[in-house]
Amino acid sequence: MSIQFPLPDNAPLEEQIGRLILLLTVKDGALDVPTNIDARRRISFFSTSLFMNMPTIPRVQNMLSFSVLTPHYMEDINFSRKELHSSQREISIIFYMQEIFPDEWKNILERMECASLEALKAEDKEEELRSWASFRGQTLS
């Protein structure tokens, strides 16, 4: 009986043994659920769709075409720097985004290698911050 490892054949024996031990001892826990609500919703939808009865697919010639038009007029697509940080309302948009998407906020800080919002401002990463907030807050972004 031969065991296949996802390592190159020229990998040291110690590395192959370490990989075997890892494969035999790691427990796949059902408790490792993503904290992101949208990720959980997508995984749940995908899992339940695996057990549905698939309908027969019509031929391409018999399919109806599908188009969506999204009308907009003079709508801002991306938040400006001023909009992100101004608190004309009770709270600023960026504070609201941090509260609504806390895990994604941690991810962007990690990706940009910054510890806080002030560090993002100091390192001139405002454009990435504007895009991040606009993708989550604007329909057409």
C-alpha atoms as a PDB file:
ATOM      1  CA  MET A   1       0.000   0.000   0.000  1.00  0.00           C
ATOM      2  CA  SER A   2       1.341   3.404  -0.964  1.00  0.00           C
ATOM      3  CA  ILE A   3       0.429   6.677   0.724  1.00  0.00           C
ATOM      4  CA  GLN A   4       0.453   9.797  -1.441  1.00  0.00           C
ATOM      5  CA  PHE A   5       1.571  13.043   0.175  1.00  0.00           C
ATOM      6  CA  PRO A   6       1.020  16.491  -1.332  1.00  0.00           C
ATOM      7  CA  LEU A   7       4.786  17.110  -1.138  1.00  0.00           C
ATOM      8  CA  PRO A   8       7.443  16.884  -3.847  1.00  0.00           C
ATOM      9  CA  ASP A   9       9.259  13.524  -4.038  1.00  0.00           C
ATOM     10  CA  ASN A  10      12.522  15.193  -3.094  1.00  0.00           C
ATOM     11  CA  ALA A  11      11.115  16.567   0.196  1.00  0.00           C
ATOM     12  CA  PRO A  12      13.109  15.504   3.266  1.00  0.00           C
ATOM     13  CA  LEU A  13      11.847  12.449   5.126  1.00  0.00           C
ATOM     14  CA  GLU A  14      11.262  14.505   8.289  1.00  0.00           C
ATOM     15  CA  GLU A  15       8.949  16.829   6.380  1.00  0.00           C
ATOM     16  CA  GLN A  16       7.012  13.878   4.915  1.00  0.00           C
ATOM     17  CA  ILE A  17       6.642  12.296   8.363  1.00  0.00           C
ATOM     18  CA  GLY A  18       5.525  15.629   9.824  1.00  0.00           C
ATOM     19  CA  ARG A  19       2.896  15.964   7.091  1.00  0.00           C
ATOM     20  CA  LEU A  20       1.659  12.396   7.746  1.00  0.00           C
ATOM     21  CA  ILE A  21       1.340  13.106  11.478  1.00  0.00           C
ATOM     22  CA  LEU A  22      -0.556  16.322  10.706  1.00  0.00           C
ATOM     23  CA  LEU A  23      -2.956  14.492   8.381  1.00  0.00           C
ATOM     24  CA  LEU A  24      -3.606  11.780  10.962  1.00  0.00           C
ATOM     25  CA  THR A  25      -4.071  14.051  13.976  1.00  0.00           C
ATOM     26  CA  VAL A  26      -5.922  17.128  12.747  1.00  0.00           C
ATOM     27  CA  LYS A  27      -9.582  16.987  13.660  1.00  0.00           C
ATOM     28  CA  ASP A  28     -11.996  18.569  11.247  1.00  0.00           C
ATOM     29  CA  GLY A  29     -14.323  20.393  13.578  1.00  0.00           C
ATOM     30  CA  ALA A  30     -17.809  21.498  12.695  1.00  0.00           C
ATOM     31  CA  LEU A  31     -17.295  24.321  15.170  1.00  0.00           C
ATOM     32  CA  ASP A  32     -15.009  26.194  12.746  1.00  0.00           C
ATOM     33  CA  VAL A  33     -17.825  28.339  11.403  1.00  0.00           C
ATOM     34  CA  PRO A  34     -16.897  31.648   9.755  1.00  0.00           C
ATOM     35  CA  THR A  35     -17.731  34.728  11.798  1.00  0.00           C
ATOM     36  CA  ASN A  36     -18.843  36.660   8.725  1.00  0.00           C
ATOM     37  CA  ILE A  37     -22.641  36.435   8.410  1.00  0.00           C
ATOM     38  CA  ASP A  38     -22.591  36.651   4.624  1.00  0.00           C
ATOM     39  CA  ALA A  39     -20.005  33.851   4.396  1.00  0.00           C
ATOM     40  CA  ARG A  40     -22.150  31.656   6.656  1.00  0.00           C
ATOM     41  CA  ARG A  41     -25.239  32.386   4.558  1.00  0.00           C
ATOM     42  CA  ARG A  42     -23.415  31.492   1.316  1.00  0.00           C
ATOM     43  CA  ILE A  43     -21.953  28.272   2.741  1.00  0.00           C
ATOM     44  CA  SER A  44     -25.355  27.259   4.102  1.00  0.00           C
ATOM     45  CA  PHE A  45     -27.055  27.950   0.777  1.00  0.00           C
ATOM     46  CA  PHE A  46     -24.384  25.993  -1.112  1.00  0.00           C
ATOM     47  CA  SER A  47     -24.543  23.022   1.299  1.00  0.00           C
ATOM     48  CA  THR A  48     -28.311  22.712   1.098  1.00  0.00           C
ATOM     49  CA  SER A  49     -28.258  23.070  -2.692  1.00  0.00           C
ATOM     50  CA  LEU A  50     -26.111  19.924  -2.952  1.00  0.00           C
ATOM     51  CA  PHE A  51     -29.098  17.791  -1.956  1.00  0.00           C
ATOM     52  CA  MET A  52     -31.761  19.331  -4.178  1.00  0.00           C
ATOM     53  CA  ASN A  53     -33.223  17.605  -7.200  1.00  0.00           C
ATOM     54  CA  MET A  54     -31.775  19.212 -10.280  1.00  0.00           C
ATOM     55  CA  PRO A  55     -34.313  20.132 -12.956  1.00  0.00           C
ATOM     56  CA  THR A  56     -33.575  19.260 -16.548  1.00  0.00           C
ATOM     57  CA  ILE A  57     -31.886  22.067 -18.404  1.00  0.00           C
ATOM     58  CA  PRO A  58     -33.629  23.411 -21.508  1.00  0.00           C
ATOM     59  CA  ARG A  59     -31.719  23.842 -24.729  1.00  0.00           C
ATOM     60  CA  VAL A  60     -30.056  27.204 -25.208  1.00  0.00           C
ATOM     61  CA  GLN A  61     -32.365  28.037 -28.119  1.00  0.00           C
ATOM     62  CA  ASN A  62     -35.399  27.588 -25.817  1.00  0.00           C
ATOM     63  CA  MET A  63     -34.044  29.722 -22.958  1.00  0.00           C
ATOM     64  CA  LEU A  64     -35.389  33.196 -22.351  1.00  0.00           C
ATOM     65  CA  SER A  65     -32.897  36.030 -22.349  1.00  0.00           C
ATOM     66  CA  PHE A  66     -32.402  37.913 -19.113  1.00  0.00           C
ATOM     67  CA  SER A  67     -31.254  41.509 -18.753  1.00  0.00           C
ATOM     68  CA  VAL A  68     -31.241  43.965 -15.900  1.00  0.00           C
ATOM     69  CA  LEU A  69     -30.981  47.705 -16.267  1.00  0.00           C
ATOM     70  CA  THR A  70     -30.101  49.790 -13.259  1.00  0.00           C
ATOM     71  CA  PRO A  71     -30.978  53.393 -13.960  1.00  0.00           C
ATOM     72  CA  HIS A  72     -29.106  56.104 -12.144  1.00  0.00           C
ATOM     73  CA  TYR A  73     -28.666  59.784 -12.619  1.00  0.00           C
ATOM     74  CA  MET A  74     -25.954  61.871 -11.017  1.00  0.00           C
ATOM     75  CA  GLU A  75     -25.473  59.254  -8.296  1.00  0.00           C
ATOM     76  CA  ASP A  76     -22.155  59.156  -6.512  1.00  0.00           C
ATOM     77  CA  ILE A  77     -20.538  55.786  -7.071  1.00  0.00           C
ATOM     78  CA  ASN A  78     -17.727  56.082  -4.516  1.00  0.00           C
ATOM     79  CA  PHE A  79     -17.701  57.838  -1.175  1.00  0.00           C
ATOM     80  CA  SER A  80     -15.453  60.881  -1.076  1.00  0.00           C
ATOM     81  CA  ARG A  81     -12.922  61.405   1.718  1.00  0.00           C
ATOM     82  CA  LYS A  82     -15.115  64.128   3.149  1.00  0.00           C
ATOM     83  CA  GLU A  83     -18.231  61.895   3.140  1.00  0.00           C
ATOM     84  CA  LEU A  84     -16.388  59.030   4.847  1.00  0.00           C
ATOM     85  CA  HIS A  85     -15.146  61.054   7.776  1.00  0.00           C
ATOM     86  CA  SER A  86     -17.795  63.725   8.190  1.00  0.00           C
ATOM     87  CA  SER A  87     -20.294  63.229  10.941  1.00  0.00           C
ATOM     88  CA  GLN A  88     -23.141  65.383   9.664  1.00  0.00           C
ATOM     89  CA  ARG A  89     -25.375  62.575  10.753  1.00  0.00           C
ATOM     90  CA  GLU A  90     -25.001  61.122  14.226  1.00  0.00           C
ATOM     91  CA  ILE A  91     -22.001  58.998  13.209  1.00  0.00           C
ATOM     92  CA  SER A  92     -19.604  59.003  10.263  1.00  0.00           C
ATOM     93  CA  ILE A  93     -19.927  56.526   7.399  1.00  0.00           C
ATOM     94  CA  ILE A  94     -16.575  54.902   8.147  1.00  0.00           C
ATOM     95  CA  PHE A  95     -17.530  54.362  11.798  1.00  0.00           C
ATOM     96  CA  TYR A  96     -20.814  52.810  10.674  1.00  0.00           C
ATOM     97  CA  MET A  97     -18.968  50.478   8.259  1.00  0.00           C
ATOM     98  CA  GLN A  98     -16.576  49.424  11.035  1.00  0.00           C
ATOM     99  CA  GLU A  99     -19.524  48.506  13.252  1.00  0.00           C
ATOM    100  CA  ILE A 100     -21.513  46.674  10.571  1.00  0.00           C
ATOM    101  CA  PHE A 101     -18.547  44.735   9.116  1.00  0.00           C
ATOM    102  CA  PRO A 102     -16.141  44.192  12.062  1.00  0.00           C
ATOM    103  CA  ASP A 103     -14.468  41.083  10.648  1.00  0.00           C
ATOM    104  CA  GLU A 104     -13.978  42.671   7.233  1.00  0.00           C
ATOM    105  CA  TRP A 105     -12.600  45.787   8.944  1.00  0.00           C
ATOM    106  CA  LYS A 106      -9.999  43.629  10.713  1.00  0.00           C
ATOM    107  CA  ASN A 107      -9.159  42.042   7.368  1.00  0.00           C
ATOM    108  CA  ILE A 108      -8.570  45.359   5.588  1.00  0.00           C
ATOM    109  CA  LEU A 109      -6.392  46.631   8.428  1.00  0.00           C
ATOM    110  CA  GLU A 110      -4.359  43.440   8.248  1.00  0.00           C
ATOM    111  CA  ARG A 111      -4.149  43.569   4.448  1.00  0.00           C
ATOM    112  CA  MET A 112      -3.019  47.210   4.513  1.00  0.00           C
ATOM    113  CA  GLU A 113      -0.616  46.430   7.390  1.00  0.00           C
ATOM    114  CA  CYS A 114      -2.098  49.152   9.586  1.00  0.00           C
ATOM    115  CA  ALA A 115      -3.282  49.032  13.174  1.00  0.00           C
ATOM    116  CA  SER A 116      -6.046  51.631  13.029  1.00  0.00           C
ATOM    117  CA  LEU A 117      -7.977  54.113  10.920  1.00  0.00           C
ATOM    118  CA  GLU A 118      -5.464  56.826  11.791  1.00  0.00           C
ATOM    119  CA  ALA A 119      -2.636  54.646  10.468  1.00  0.00           C
ATOM    120  CA  LEU A 120      -4.537  54.198   7.188  1.00  0.00           C
ATOM    121  CA  LYS A 121      -4.862  57.973   6.893  1.00  0.00           C
ATOM    122  CA  ALA A 122      -1.202  58.537   7.760  1.00  0.00           C
ATOM    123  CA  GLU A 123       0.056  56.097   5.139  1.00  0.00           C
ATOM    124  CA  ASP A 124      -2.006  57.608   2.302  1.00  0.00           C
ATOM    125  CA  LYS A 125      -4.186  54.548   1.823  1.00  0.00           C
ATOM    126  CA  GLU A 126      -7.350  56.627   1.600  1.00  0.00           C
ATOM    127  CA  GLU A 127      -8.160  55.386  -1.906  1.00  0.00           C
ATOM    128  CA  GLU A 128      -8.279  51.742  -0.751  1.00  0.00           C
ATOM    129  CA  LEU A 129     -10.350  52.799   2.244  1.00  0.00           C
ATOM    130  CA  ARG A 130     -12.805  54.685   0.002  1.00  0.00           C
ATOM    131  CA  SER A 131     -13.136  51.631  -2.271  1.00  0.00           C
ATOM    132  CA  TRP A 132     -13.653  49.276   0.685  1.00  0.00           C
ATOM    133  CA  ALA A 133     -16.425  51.437   2.152  1.00  0.00           C
ATOM    134  CA  SER A 134     -18.039  52.095  -1.236  1.00  0.00           C
ATOM    135  CA  PHE A 135     -18.188  48.398  -2.147  1.00  0.00           C
ATOM    136  CA  ARG A 136     -20.135  47.762   1.044  1.00  0.00           C
ATOM    137  CA  GLY A 137     -22.250  50.885   1.151  1.00  0.00           C
ATOM    138  CA  GLN A 138     -23.083  51.827  -2.438  1.00  0.00           C
ATOM    139  CA  THR A 139     -25.241  49.744  -4.749  1.00  0.00           C
ATOM    140  CA  LEU A 140     -23.497  50.753  -7.960  1.00  0.00           C
ATOM    141  CA  SER A 141     -19.903  50.775  -6.727  1.00  0.00           C
END
